[in-house]
Amino acid sequence: PWQSQGPREGSLSRAQTQALVEDLTAFTAGSCYFALWAGYGPGDVRTGPEANGLVHVSRSRRCPTMQLPWRDYEVFEGDLTGATAIDVFRDFQSPNLWWPEDHAWCVASEIDLPWTYVGGSRTLINNLLQDDRLEALEVLPDEPISVDFVEWLRRRIDVVAEQVVRTGSATMSLAIGDVELKLEQLDRRNSVLISK
């Protein structure tokens, strides 16, 4: 999370979606497909490239659907920029799944996870990792999707504590900022750990 704000589950922000669209443009030919979880409930989905105005598409059984285990999706087709123009009940919603006709890449924002996966060529992944507008990490297909935060924090504290003992100071970077730790010797027997 940036600036102590956790990411939203199941959706990128509009700015992140726009950055991703810009990165994906060079790897996209033809139309794209956008799958939106059907469980968002009844109502209207506004969709269409923003430059051309938004087109209301009634959310009904007439929409093409796709079924995956535990999820049903409504599917829309359009230009890649359509990913930035979906609103559900007037709130921005990035597509939960989106891909081009040639299957050169795929973007997935599972509704219960606060992150998004992108699969694509090595060149595409390298571009995403270098884009400062995105907080991107490389993962492997067999890595778990859950994180044991307590264990992660314990390992991080162990590393920082070892560095403080070895060098006398260390910095631990967190979402809310950096925590600086410094070991100061009070006398021959006593030390104090100071944090800023």
N, C-alpha and C. Protein backbone atom coordinates (compact mmCIF):
# COMPACT_ATOMS: atom_id res chain seq x y z
N PRO A 1 0.83 -1.22 0.00
CA PRO A 1 0.00 0.00 0.00
C PRO A 1 0.85 1.25 0.00
N TRP A 2 0.41 2.26 -0.69
CA TRP A 2 1.12 3.53 -0.75
C TRP A 2 0.50 4.50 0.24
N GLN A 3 1.31 5.28 0.93
CA GLN A 3 0.87 6.31 1.85
C GLN A 3 -0.15 5.80 2.85
N SER A 4 0.09 4.61 3.37
CA SER A 4 -0.73 4.00 4.40
C SER A 4 -2.15 3.70 3.94
N GLN A 5 -2.40 3.69 2.66
CA GLN A 5 -3.72 3.36 2.12
C GLN A 5 -3.62 2.00 1.44
N GLY A 6 -4.38 1.04 1.93
CA GLY A 6 -4.37 -0.27 1.32
C GLY A 6 -5.02 -0.23 -0.05
N PRO A 7 -4.59 -1.08 -0.97
CA PRO A 7 -5.23 -1.12 -2.28
C PRO A 7 -6.64 -1.69 -2.19
N ARG A 8 -7.49 -1.29 -3.11
CA ARG A 8 -8.87 -1.76 -3.14
C ARG A 8 -8.91 -3.20 -3.64
N GLU A 9 -9.73 -4.02 -3.04
CA GLU A 9 -9.85 -5.40 -3.49
C GLU A 9 -10.66 -5.46 -4.77
N GLY A 10 -10.20 -6.26 -5.73
CA GLY A 10 -10.96 -6.53 -6.95
C GLY A 10 -10.91 -5.49 -8.03
N SER A 11 -10.15 -4.41 -7.84
CA SER A 11 -10.09 -3.38 -8.87
C SER A 11 -8.82 -2.57 -8.75
N LEU A 12 -8.25 -2.24 -9.89
CA LEU A 12 -7.19 -1.23 -9.92
C LEU A 12 -7.85 0.14 -9.82
N SER A 13 -7.09 1.17 -9.50
CA SER A 13 -7.61 2.52 -9.58
C SER A 13 -7.68 2.92 -11.05
N ARG A 14 -8.40 3.98 -11.35
CA ARG A 14 -8.48 4.44 -12.74
C ARG A 14 -7.09 4.83 -13.25
N ALA A 15 -6.28 5.50 -12.40
CA ALA A 15 -4.93 5.91 -12.81
C ALA A 15 -4.05 4.70 -13.10
N GLN A 16 -4.12 3.68 -12.25
CA GLN A 16 -3.33 2.47 -12.49
C GLN A 16 -3.80 1.76 -13.76
N THR A 17 -5.11 1.73 -13.97
CA THR A 17 -5.64 1.09 -15.19
C THR A 17 -5.17 1.85 -16.42
N GLN A 18 -5.18 3.18 -16.36
CA GLN A 18 -4.71 3.99 -17.49
C GLN A 18 -3.23 3.71 -17.76
N ALA A 19 -2.42 3.63 -16.72
CA ALA A 19 -0.99 3.33 -16.90
C ALA A 19 -0.81 1.95 -17.52
N LEU A 20 -1.57 0.98 -17.06
CA LEU A 20 -1.48 -0.37 -17.60
C LEU A 20 -1.92 -0.40 -19.07
N VAL A 21 -2.98 0.32 -19.40
CA VAL A 21 -3.43 0.41 -20.79
C VAL A 21 -2.32 0.98 -21.67
N GLU A 22 -1.66 2.03 -21.20
CA GLU A 22 -0.56 2.63 -21.97
C GLU A 22 0.58 1.63 -22.17
N ASP A 23 0.89 0.86 -21.13
CA ASP A 23 1.95 -0.14 -21.24
C ASP A 23 1.56 -1.29 -22.17
N LEU A 24 0.28 -1.65 -22.17
CA LEU A 24 -0.19 -2.78 -22.97
C LEU A 24 -0.40 -2.44 -24.44
N THR A 25 -0.51 -1.16 -24.76
CA THR A 25 -0.81 -0.74 -26.14
C THR A 25 0.15 -1.34 -27.16
N ALA A 26 1.44 -1.34 -26.86
CA ALA A 26 2.43 -1.86 -27.81
C ALA A 26 2.32 -3.37 -28.00
N PHE A 27 1.61 -4.04 -27.11
CA PHE A 27 1.51 -5.50 -27.16
C PHE A 27 0.10 -5.95 -27.56
N THR A 28 -0.70 -5.01 -28.07
CA THR A 28 -2.11 -5.30 -28.34
C THR A 28 -2.45 -5.06 -29.80
N ALA A 29 -3.07 -6.05 -30.42
CA ALA A 29 -3.58 -5.92 -31.78
C ALA A 29 -5.04 -6.35 -31.77
N GLY A 30 -5.90 -5.56 -32.37
CA GLY A 30 -7.31 -5.93 -32.45
C GLY A 30 -8.09 -5.58 -31.21
N SER A 31 -9.28 -6.15 -31.14
CA SER A 31 -10.19 -5.89 -30.02
C SER A 31 -9.71 -6.56 -28.74
N CYS A 32 -10.28 -6.10 -27.64
CA CYS A 32 -10.01 -6.70 -26.34
C CYS A 32 -11.34 -7.15 -25.74
N TYR A 33 -11.25 -8.07 -24.81
CA TYR A 33 -12.41 -8.57 -24.08
C TYR A 33 -12.24 -8.19 -22.62
N PHE A 34 -13.34 -7.75 -22.02
CA PHE A 34 -13.36 -7.32 -20.64
C PHE A 34 -14.43 -8.11 -19.91
N ALA A 35 -14.04 -8.84 -18.89
CA ALA A 35 -15.00 -9.63 -18.11
C ALA A 35 -15.18 -8.95 -16.76
N LEU A 36 -16.43 -8.71 -16.40
CA LEU A 36 -16.78 -8.04 -15.17
C LEU A 36 -17.63 -8.99 -14.34
N TRP A 37 -17.25 -9.18 -13.08
CA TRP A 37 -17.95 -10.11 -12.20
C TRP A 37 -19.44 -9.78 -12.16
N ALA A 38 -20.27 -10.77 -12.40
CA ALA A 38 -21.72 -10.59 -12.42
C ALA A 38 -22.27 -10.30 -11.03
N GLY A 39 -21.52 -10.61 -9.99
CA GLY A 39 -21.99 -10.44 -8.61
C GLY A 39 -22.00 -9.02 -8.11
N TYR A 40 -21.62 -8.05 -8.94
CA TYR A 40 -21.72 -6.66 -8.49
C TYR A 40 -23.17 -6.24 -8.30
N GLY A 41 -24.08 -7.06 -8.79
CA GLY A 41 -25.49 -6.82 -8.54
C GLY A 41 -26.18 -6.15 -9.70
N PRO A 42 -27.50 -6.00 -9.59
CA PRO A 42 -28.26 -5.39 -10.68
C PRO A 42 -27.95 -3.90 -10.79
N GLY A 43 -28.22 -3.36 -11.93
CA GLY A 43 -27.97 -1.94 -12.15
C GLY A 43 -27.37 -1.75 -13.52
N ASP A 44 -26.78 -0.61 -13.73
CA ASP A 44 -26.18 -0.31 -15.03
C ASP A 44 -24.67 -0.29 -14.94
N VAL A 45 -24.05 -0.80 -15.98
CA VAL A 45 -22.61 -0.65 -16.17
C VAL A 45 -22.45 0.37 -17.27
N ARG A 46 -21.71 1.42 -17.00
CA ARG A 46 -21.42 2.38 -18.05
C ARG A 46 -20.10 1.96 -18.66
N THR A 47 -20.08 1.87 -19.97
CA THR A 47 -18.86 1.39 -20.62
C THR A 47 -18.68 2.09 -21.96
N GLY A 48 -17.46 2.13 -22.43
CA GLY A 48 -17.14 2.74 -23.72
C GLY A 48 -15.97 3.68 -23.55
N PRO A 49 -15.18 3.89 -24.58
CA PRO A 49 -14.04 4.81 -24.48
C PRO A 49 -14.53 6.20 -24.05
N GLU A 50 -13.90 6.77 -23.06
CA GLU A 50 -14.34 8.05 -22.51
C GLU A 50 -14.32 9.15 -23.55
N ALA A 51 -13.37 9.12 -24.46
CA ALA A 51 -13.27 10.17 -25.47
C ALA A 51 -14.53 10.21 -26.35
N ASN A 52 -15.19 9.09 -26.52
CA ASN A 52 -16.39 9.02 -27.35
C ASN A 52 -17.67 9.06 -26.53
N GLY A 53 -17.59 9.34 -25.25
CA GLY A 53 -18.77 9.32 -24.39
C GLY A 53 -19.01 7.90 -23.90
N LEU A 54 -19.74 7.79 -22.82
CA LEU A 54 -20.01 6.48 -22.24
C LEU A 54 -21.34 5.95 -22.76
N VAL A 55 -21.36 4.68 -23.04
CA VAL A 55 -22.56 4.01 -23.52
C VAL A 55 -23.09 3.15 -22.39
N HIS A 56 -24.37 3.29 -22.07
CA HIS A 56 -24.97 2.45 -21.04
C HIS A 56 -25.29 1.08 -21.62
N VAL A 57 -24.87 0.06 -20.92
CA VAL A 57 -25.19 -1.31 -21.31
C VAL A 57 -26.00 -1.89 -20.17
N SER A 58 -27.22 -2.26 -20.43
CA SER A 58 -28.07 -2.81 -19.39
C SER A 58 -27.49 -4.12 -18.90
N ARG A 59 -27.41 -4.29 -17.60
CA ARG A 59 -26.91 -5.54 -17.03
C ARG A 59 -28.07 -6.49 -16.92
N SER A 60 -28.17 -7.33 -17.89
CA SER A 60 -29.28 -8.29 -17.89
C SER A 60 -28.76 -9.62 -18.40
N ARG A 61 -29.63 -10.58 -18.47
CA ARG A 61 -29.24 -11.90 -18.96
C ARG A 61 -28.87 -11.86 -20.44
N ARG A 62 -29.18 -10.77 -21.13
CA ARG A 62 -28.84 -10.68 -22.55
C ARG A 62 -27.35 -10.44 -22.78
N CYS A 63 -26.62 -10.01 -21.76
CA CYS A 63 -25.18 -9.80 -21.92
C CYS A 63 -24.48 -11.14 -22.08
N PRO A 64 -23.46 -11.20 -22.94
CA PRO A 64 -22.69 -12.45 -23.03
C PRO A 64 -22.06 -12.74 -21.67
N THR A 65 -22.04 -13.99 -21.28
CA THR A 65 -21.47 -14.35 -19.99
C THR A 65 -20.39 -15.40 -20.14
N MET A 66 -19.57 -15.48 -19.13
CA MET A 66 -18.49 -16.46 -19.07
C MET A 66 -18.52 -17.03 -17.66
N GLN A 67 -18.36 -18.33 -17.55
CA GLN A 67 -18.37 -18.95 -16.24
C GLN A 67 -17.02 -19.59 -15.95
N LEU A 68 -16.50 -19.29 -14.78
CA LEU A 68 -15.28 -19.90 -14.26
C LEU A 68 -15.64 -20.48 -12.90
N PRO A 69 -14.82 -21.33 -12.34
CA PRO A 69 -15.17 -21.86 -11.01
C PRO A 69 -15.42 -20.73 -10.00
N TRP A 70 -16.56 -20.79 -9.35
CA TRP A 70 -16.98 -19.86 -8.29
C TRP A 70 -17.30 -18.45 -8.77
N ARG A 71 -17.22 -18.17 -10.08
CA ARG A 71 -17.49 -16.82 -10.56
C ARG A 71 -18.18 -16.85 -11.92
N ASP A 72 -19.17 -15.98 -12.09
CA ASP A 72 -19.77 -15.72 -13.39
C ASP A 72 -19.40 -14.29 -13.78
N TYR A 73 -19.18 -14.08 -15.05
CA TYR A 73 -18.75 -12.77 -15.55
C TYR A 73 -19.60 -12.35 -16.73
N GLU A 74 -19.83 -11.05 -16.85
CA GLU A 74 -20.40 -10.47 -18.06
C GLU A 74 -19.23 -10.02 -18.92
N VAL A 75 -19.31 -10.25 -20.21
CA VAL A 75 -18.18 -10.00 -21.11
C VAL A 75 -18.53 -8.87 -22.08
N PHE A 76 -17.61 -7.93 -22.21
CA PHE A 76 -17.74 -6.82 -23.13
C PHE A 76 -16.57 -6.87 -24.11
N GLU A 77 -16.77 -6.34 -25.29
CA GLU A 77 -15.72 -6.30 -26.30
C GLU A 77 -15.50 -4.86 -26.71
N GLY A 78 -14.25 -4.49 -26.97
CA GLY A 78 -13.99 -3.13 -27.42
C GLY A 78 -12.51 -2.86 -27.53
N ASP A 79 -12.21 -1.60 -27.75
CA ASP A 79 -10.85 -1.12 -27.83
C ASP A 79 -10.18 -1.23 -26.45
N LEU A 80 -8.88 -1.34 -26.41
CA LEU A 80 -8.13 -1.47 -25.15
C LEU A 80 -8.47 -0.36 -24.16
N THR A 81 -8.72 0.84 -24.66
CA THR A 81 -9.02 1.96 -23.76
C THR A 81 -10.34 1.77 -23.01
N GLY A 82 -11.16 0.83 -23.45
CA GLY A 82 -12.40 0.55 -22.73
C GLY A 82 -12.16 0.10 -21.29
N ALA A 83 -10.97 -0.39 -21.00
CA ALA A 83 -10.65 -0.82 -19.63
C ALA A 83 -10.72 0.34 -18.64
N THR A 84 -10.55 1.56 -19.13
CA THR A 84 -10.57 2.73 -18.24
C THR A 84 -11.94 3.35 -18.13
N ALA A 85 -12.94 2.78 -18.79
CA ALA A 85 -14.24 3.44 -18.88
C ALA A 85 -15.39 2.60 -18.36
N ILE A 86 -15.15 1.80 -17.35
CA ILE A 86 -16.23 1.00 -16.77
C ILE A 86 -16.54 1.54 -15.39
N ASP A 87 -17.79 1.88 -15.19
CA ASP A 87 -18.27 2.34 -13.90
C ASP A 87 -19.40 1.43 -13.46
N VAL A 88 -19.39 1.05 -12.20
CA VAL A 88 -20.49 0.28 -11.63
C VAL A 88 -21.10 1.17 -10.55
N PHE A 89 -22.36 1.52 -10.73
CA PHE A 89 -23.03 2.44 -9.81
C PHE A 89 -22.22 3.71 -9.62
N ARG A 90 -21.71 4.25 -10.71
CA ARG A 90 -20.97 5.52 -10.77
C ARG A 90 -19.61 5.47 -10.09
N ASP A 91 -19.14 4.32 -9.70
CA ASP A 91 -17.78 4.17 -9.16
C ASP A 91 -16.94 3.43 -10.18
N PHE A 92 -15.69 3.87 -10.35
CA PHE A 92 -14.82 3.20 -11.31
C PHE A 92 -14.57 1.76 -10.90
N GLN A 93 -14.57 0.88 -11.88
CA GLN A 93 -14.27 -0.54 -11.66
C GLN A 93 -13.42 -1.01 -12.83
N SER A 94 -12.20 -1.44 -12.55
CA SER A 94 -11.41 -2.02 -13.64
C SER A 94 -12.00 -3.39 -13.96
N PRO A 95 -11.84 -3.85 -15.19
CA PRO A 95 -12.34 -5.19 -15.50
C PRO A 95 -11.67 -6.21 -14.59
N ASN A 96 -12.39 -7.26 -14.24
CA ASN A 96 -11.79 -8.31 -13.41
C ASN A 96 -10.85 -9.18 -14.23
N LEU A 97 -11.18 -9.39 -15.49
CA LEU A 97 -10.32 -10.12 -16.43
C LEU A 97 -10.34 -9.37 -17.75
N TRP A 98 -9.18 -9.20 -18.38
CA TRP A 98 -9.15 -8.59 -19.71
C TRP A 98 -7.98 -9.11 -20.50
N TRP A 99 -8.21 -9.24 -21.83
CA TRP A 99 -7.21 -9.84 -22.71
C TRP A 99 -7.52 -9.44 -24.15
N PRO A 100 -6.49 -9.46 -25.03
CA PRO A 100 -6.72 -9.14 -26.44
C PRO A 100 -7.13 -10.39 -27.22
N GLU A 101 -7.60 -10.18 -28.45
CA GLU A 101 -8.01 -11.29 -29.31
C GLU A 101 -6.93 -12.34 -29.47
N ASP A 102 -5.67 -11.91 -29.59
CA ASP A 102 -4.58 -12.87 -29.85
C ASP A 102 -4.01 -13.50 -28.59
N HIS A 103 -4.58 -13.19 -27.44
CA HIS A 103 -4.17 -13.77 -26.14
C HIS A 103 -2.70 -13.49 -25.82
N ALA A 104 -2.17 -12.36 -26.28
CA ALA A 104 -0.77 -12.01 -26.04
C ALA A 104 -0.50 -11.71 -24.57
N TRP A 105 -1.52 -11.36 -23.83
CA TRP A 105 -1.40 -11.05 -22.41
C TRP A 105 -2.75 -11.26 -21.75
N CYS A 106 -2.77 -11.23 -20.43
CA CYS A 106 -4.02 -11.31 -19.68
C CYS A 106 -3.83 -10.56 -18.36
N VAL A 107 -4.85 -9.82 -17.97
CA VAL A 107 -4.85 -9.09 -16.70
C VAL A 107 -5.98 -9.66 -15.85
N ALA A 108 -5.69 -9.94 -14.58
CA ALA A 108 -6.69 -10.53 -13.68
C ALA A 108 -6.68 -9.82 -12.34
N SER A 109 -7.84 -9.28 -11.96
CA SER A 109 -8.05 -8.68 -10.64
C SER A 109 -9.15 -9.47 -9.95
N GLU A 110 -8.78 -10.50 -9.23
CA GLU A 110 -9.75 -11.33 -8.50
C GLU A 110 -10.46 -10.46 -7.47
N ILE A 111 -11.77 -10.60 -7.35
CA ILE A 111 -12.55 -9.68 -6.52
C ILE A 111 -12.18 -9.70 -5.04
N ASP A 112 -11.57 -10.77 -4.55
CA ASP A 112 -11.23 -10.87 -3.13
C ASP A 112 -9.76 -10.59 -2.84
N LEU A 113 -8.99 -10.17 -3.85
CA LEU A 113 -7.56 -9.92 -3.64
C LEU A 113 -7.23 -8.45 -3.88
N PRO A 114 -6.31 -7.89 -3.10
CA PRO A 114 -5.95 -6.48 -3.27
C PRO A 114 -4.82 -6.25 -4.27
N TRP A 115 -4.58 -7.21 -5.15
CA TRP A 115 -3.56 -7.03 -6.18
C TRP A 115 -4.06 -7.61 -7.49
N THR A 116 -3.35 -7.29 -8.55
CA THR A 116 -3.71 -7.71 -9.89
C THR A 116 -2.55 -8.46 -10.50
N TYR A 117 -2.85 -9.53 -11.22
CA TYR A 117 -1.84 -10.30 -11.92
C TYR A 117 -1.87 -9.95 -13.40
N VAL A 118 -0.68 -9.88 -14.01
CA VAL A 118 -0.56 -9.67 -15.45
C VAL A 118 0.35 -10.77 -15.98
N GLY A 119 -0.13 -11.50 -16.98
CA GLY A 119 0.68 -12.50 -17.65
C GLY A 119 0.98 -12.02 -19.05
N GLY A 120 2.20 -12.21 -19.50
CA GLY A 120 2.57 -11.78 -20.84
C GLY A 120 4.00 -12.14 -21.16
N SER A 121 4.50 -11.60 -22.23
CA SER A 121 5.87 -11.88 -22.66
C SER A 121 6.88 -11.30 -21.68
N ARG A 122 8.11 -11.77 -21.76
CA ARG A 122 9.18 -11.26 -20.91
C ARG A 122 9.35 -9.76 -21.11
N THR A 123 9.26 -9.30 -22.35
CA THR A 123 9.42 -7.87 -22.65
C THR A 123 8.31 -7.06 -21.98
N LEU A 124 7.08 -7.53 -22.07
CA LEU A 124 5.96 -6.85 -21.43
C LEU A 124 6.17 -6.78 -19.92
N ILE A 125 6.52 -7.89 -19.31
CA ILE A 125 6.71 -7.92 -17.85
C ILE A 125 7.83 -6.97 -17.45
N ASN A 126 8.93 -6.95 -18.18
CA ASN A 126 10.03 -6.02 -17.89
C ASN A 126 9.57 -4.58 -17.96
N ASN A 127 8.73 -4.25 -18.96
CA ASN A 127 8.20 -2.88 -19.06
C ASN A 127 7.36 -2.53 -17.85
N LEU A 128 6.52 -3.44 -17.40
CA LEU A 128 5.67 -3.18 -16.22
C LEU A 128 6.51 -2.99 -14.96
N LEU A 129 7.56 -3.81 -14.82
CA LEU A 129 8.42 -3.70 -13.64
C LEU A 129 9.16 -2.37 -13.60
N GLN A 130 9.38 -1.76 -14.76
CA GLN A 130 10.11 -0.49 -14.83
C GLN A 130 9.20 0.73 -14.80
N ASP A 131 7.89 0.55 -14.83
CA ASP A 131 6.94 1.66 -14.85
C ASP A 131 6.74 2.18 -13.43
N ASP A 132 7.21 3.39 -13.17
CA ASP A 132 7.11 3.98 -11.83
C ASP A 132 5.68 4.29 -11.41
N ARG A 133 4.74 4.27 -12.34
CA ARG A 133 3.35 4.54 -12.00
C ARG A 133 2.67 3.33 -11.37
N LEU A 134 3.31 2.17 -11.48
CA LEU A 134 2.75 0.93 -10.96
C LEU A 134 3.64 0.36 -9.86
N GLU A 135 3.05 -0.16 -8.83
CA GLU A 135 3.80 -0.90 -7.82
C GLU A 135 3.79 -2.35 -8.28
N ALA A 136 4.85 -2.77 -8.95
CA ALA A 136 4.87 -4.08 -9.60
C ALA A 136 5.99 -4.95 -9.05
N LEU A 137 5.65 -6.21 -8.82
CA LEU A 137 6.60 -7.22 -8.37
C LEU A 137 6.46 -8.43 -9.27
N GLU A 138 7.56 -9.09 -9.56
CA GLU A 138 7.49 -10.30 -10.38
C GLU A 138 7.16 -11.49 -9.49
N VAL A 139 6.25 -12.33 -9.95
CA VAL A 139 5.89 -13.55 -9.23
C VAL A 139 5.97 -14.72 -10.19
N LEU A 140 6.08 -15.90 -9.62
CA LEU A 140 6.09 -17.12 -10.41
C LEU A 140 4.73 -17.80 -10.32
N PRO A 141 4.36 -18.58 -11.32
CA PRO A 141 3.03 -19.20 -11.31
C PRO A 141 2.73 -20.07 -10.10
N ASP A 142 3.76 -20.65 -9.47
CA ASP A 142 3.48 -21.55 -8.34
C ASP A 142 3.56 -20.87 -6.98
N GLU A 143 3.72 -19.54 -6.96
CA GLU A 143 3.77 -18.83 -5.68
C GLU A 143 2.38 -18.73 -5.08
N PRO A 144 2.26 -18.81 -3.74
CA PRO A 144 0.94 -18.73 -3.12
C PRO A 144 0.35 -17.33 -3.26
N ILE A 145 -0.98 -17.24 -3.22
CA ILE A 145 -1.62 -15.93 -3.36
C ILE A 145 -1.85 -15.25 -2.02
N SER A 146 -1.59 -15.92 -0.93
CA SER A 146 -1.78 -15.31 0.38
C SER A 146 -0.43 -15.01 1.01
N VAL A 147 -0.43 -14.04 1.91
CA VAL A 147 0.78 -13.64 2.60
C VAL A 147 0.54 -13.74 4.09
N ASP A 148 1.44 -14.41 4.80
CA ASP A 148 1.38 -14.47 6.26
C ASP A 148 2.09 -13.21 6.77
N PHE A 149 1.30 -12.16 7.04
CA PHE A 149 1.87 -10.87 7.40
C PHE A 149 2.73 -10.96 8.65
N VAL A 150 2.26 -11.68 9.66
CA VAL A 150 3.01 -11.78 10.92
C VAL A 150 4.39 -12.40 10.66
N GLU A 151 4.42 -13.47 9.86
CA GLU A 151 5.71 -14.11 9.55
C GLU A 151 6.59 -13.18 8.72
N TRP A 152 6.00 -12.45 7.76
CA TRP A 152 6.78 -11.49 6.95
C TRP A 152 7.39 -10.43 7.86
N LEU A 153 6.59 -9.87 8.77
CA LEU A 153 7.07 -8.84 9.67
C LEU A 153 8.16 -9.39 10.60
N ARG A 154 7.97 -10.60 11.10
CA ARG A 154 8.96 -11.23 11.97
C ARG A 154 10.31 -11.39 11.23
N ARG A 155 10.25 -11.86 9.99
CA ARG A 155 11.50 -12.01 9.21
C ARG A 155 12.16 -10.66 8.95
N ARG A 156 11.33 -9.65 8.65
CA ARG A 156 11.87 -8.31 8.38
C ARG A 156 12.52 -7.74 9.64
N ILE A 157 11.89 -7.89 10.80
CA ILE A 157 12.45 -7.39 12.06
C ILE A 157 13.74 -8.11 12.38
N ASP A 158 13.80 -9.42 12.15
CA ASP A 158 15.04 -10.19 12.39
C ASP A 158 16.19 -9.65 11.56
N VAL A 159 15.93 -9.34 10.29
CA VAL A 159 16.97 -8.81 9.41
C VAL A 159 17.45 -7.45 9.91
N VAL A 160 16.50 -6.58 10.27
CA VAL A 160 16.84 -5.24 10.74
C VAL A 160 17.57 -5.31 12.08
N ALA A 161 17.11 -6.17 13.00
CA ALA A 161 17.77 -6.30 14.31
C ALA A 161 19.21 -6.78 14.14
N GLU A 162 19.42 -7.74 13.25
CA GLU A 162 20.78 -8.24 13.01
C GLU A 162 21.66 -7.13 12.45
N GLN A 163 21.10 -6.29 11.59
CA GLN A 163 21.87 -5.18 11.03
C GLN A 163 22.20 -4.14 12.10
N VAL A 164 21.27 -3.86 13.01
CA VAL A 164 21.52 -2.91 14.10
C VAL A 164 22.64 -3.43 15.00
N VAL A 165 22.60 -4.71 15.35
CA VAL A 165 23.64 -5.29 16.21
C VAL A 165 24.99 -5.25 15.50
N ARG A 166 24.99 -5.54 14.20
CA ARG A 166 26.24 -5.60 13.44
C ARG A 166 26.83 -4.21 13.17
N THR A 167 25.95 -3.23 12.78
CA THR A 167 26.47 -1.93 12.32
C THR A 167 26.12 -0.77 13.24
N GLY A 168 25.18 -0.98 14.16
CA GLY A 168 24.79 0.10 15.06
C GLY A 168 23.56 0.86 14.60
N SER A 169 23.11 0.65 13.35
CA SER A 169 21.90 1.33 12.87
C SER A 169 21.32 0.58 11.68
N ALA A 170 20.06 0.87 11.42
CA ALA A 170 19.37 0.27 10.27
C ALA A 170 18.13 1.08 9.97
N THR A 171 17.64 0.95 8.75
CA THR A 171 16.41 1.60 8.33
C THR A 171 15.45 0.54 7.82
N MET A 172 14.20 0.61 8.28
CA MET A 172 13.16 -0.30 7.82
C MET A 172 12.12 0.53 7.09
N SER A 173 11.91 0.24 5.81
CA SER A 173 10.94 0.97 5.00
C SER A 173 9.57 0.32 5.10
N LEU A 174 8.59 1.14 5.45
CA LEU A 174 7.20 0.70 5.57
C LEU A 174 6.33 1.61 4.71
N ALA A 175 5.08 1.26 4.51
CA ALA A 175 4.17 2.05 3.70
C ALA A 175 4.01 3.47 4.24
N ILE A 176 4.07 3.64 5.56
CA ILE A 176 3.87 4.96 6.15
C ILE A 176 5.16 5.77 6.21
N GLY A 177 6.27 5.18 5.81
CA GLY A 177 7.55 5.88 5.81
C GLY A 177 8.66 4.99 6.34
N ASP A 178 9.82 5.58 6.50
CA ASP A 178 10.99 4.85 6.97
C ASP A 178 11.10 4.95 8.49
N VAL A 179 11.48 3.84 9.11
CA VAL A 179 11.77 3.82 10.53
C VAL A 179 13.27 3.62 10.67
N GLU A 180 13.92 4.59 11.30
CA GLU A 180 15.37 4.51 11.50
C GLU A 180 15.64 4.01 12.92
N LEU A 181 16.47 3.00 13.03
CA LEU A 181 16.85 2.44 14.33
C LEU A 181 18.33 2.66 14.54
N LYS A 182 18.68 3.10 15.75
CA LYS A 182 20.08 3.37 16.06
C LYS A 182 20.37 2.88 17.47
N LEU A 183 21.46 2.16 17.63
CA LEU A 183 21.87 1.65 18.92
C LEU A 183 22.92 2.60 19.49
N GLU A 184 22.62 3.19 20.66
CA GLU A 184 23.56 4.11 21.29
C GLU A 184 24.04 3.52 22.60
N GLN A 185 25.33 3.52 22.81
CA GLN A 185 25.96 2.99 24.01
C GLN A 185 25.89 4.05 25.10
N LEU A 186 25.20 3.73 26.22
CA LEU A 186 25.11 4.67 27.33
C LEU A 186 26.36 4.60 28.21
N ASP A 187 26.79 3.40 28.47
CA ASP A 187 28.03 3.18 29.21
C ASP A 187 28.51 1.79 28.84
N ARG A 188 29.47 1.24 29.57
CA ARG A 188 30.05 -0.05 29.21
C ARG A 188 29.05 -1.19 29.22
N ARG A 189 28.00 -1.10 30.05
CA ARG A 189 27.06 -2.20 30.19
C ARG A 189 25.69 -1.95 29.56
N ASN A 190 25.35 -0.71 29.31
CA ASN A 190 23.99 -0.40 28.89
C ASN A 190 23.97 0.29 27.53
N SER A 191 22.98 -0.12 26.73
CA SER A 191 22.73 0.51 25.43
C SER A 191 21.25 0.82 25.34
N VAL A 192 20.90 1.72 24.46
CA VAL A 192 19.50 2.06 24.22
C VAL A 192 19.25 2.05 22.72
N LEU A 193 18.09 1.54 22.35
CA LEU A 193 17.69 1.51 20.93
C LEU A 193 16.78 2.71 20.69
N ILE A 194 17.16 3.56 19.79
CA ILE A 194 16.40 4.78 19.48
C ILE A 194 15.79 4.63 18.10
N SER A 195 14.50 4.96 17.98
CA SER A 195 13.85 4.91 16.66
C SER A 195 13.31 6.28 16.31
N LYS A 196 13.32 6.58 15.02
CA LYS A 196 12.77 7.86 14.52
C LYS A 196 11.72 7.56 13.50
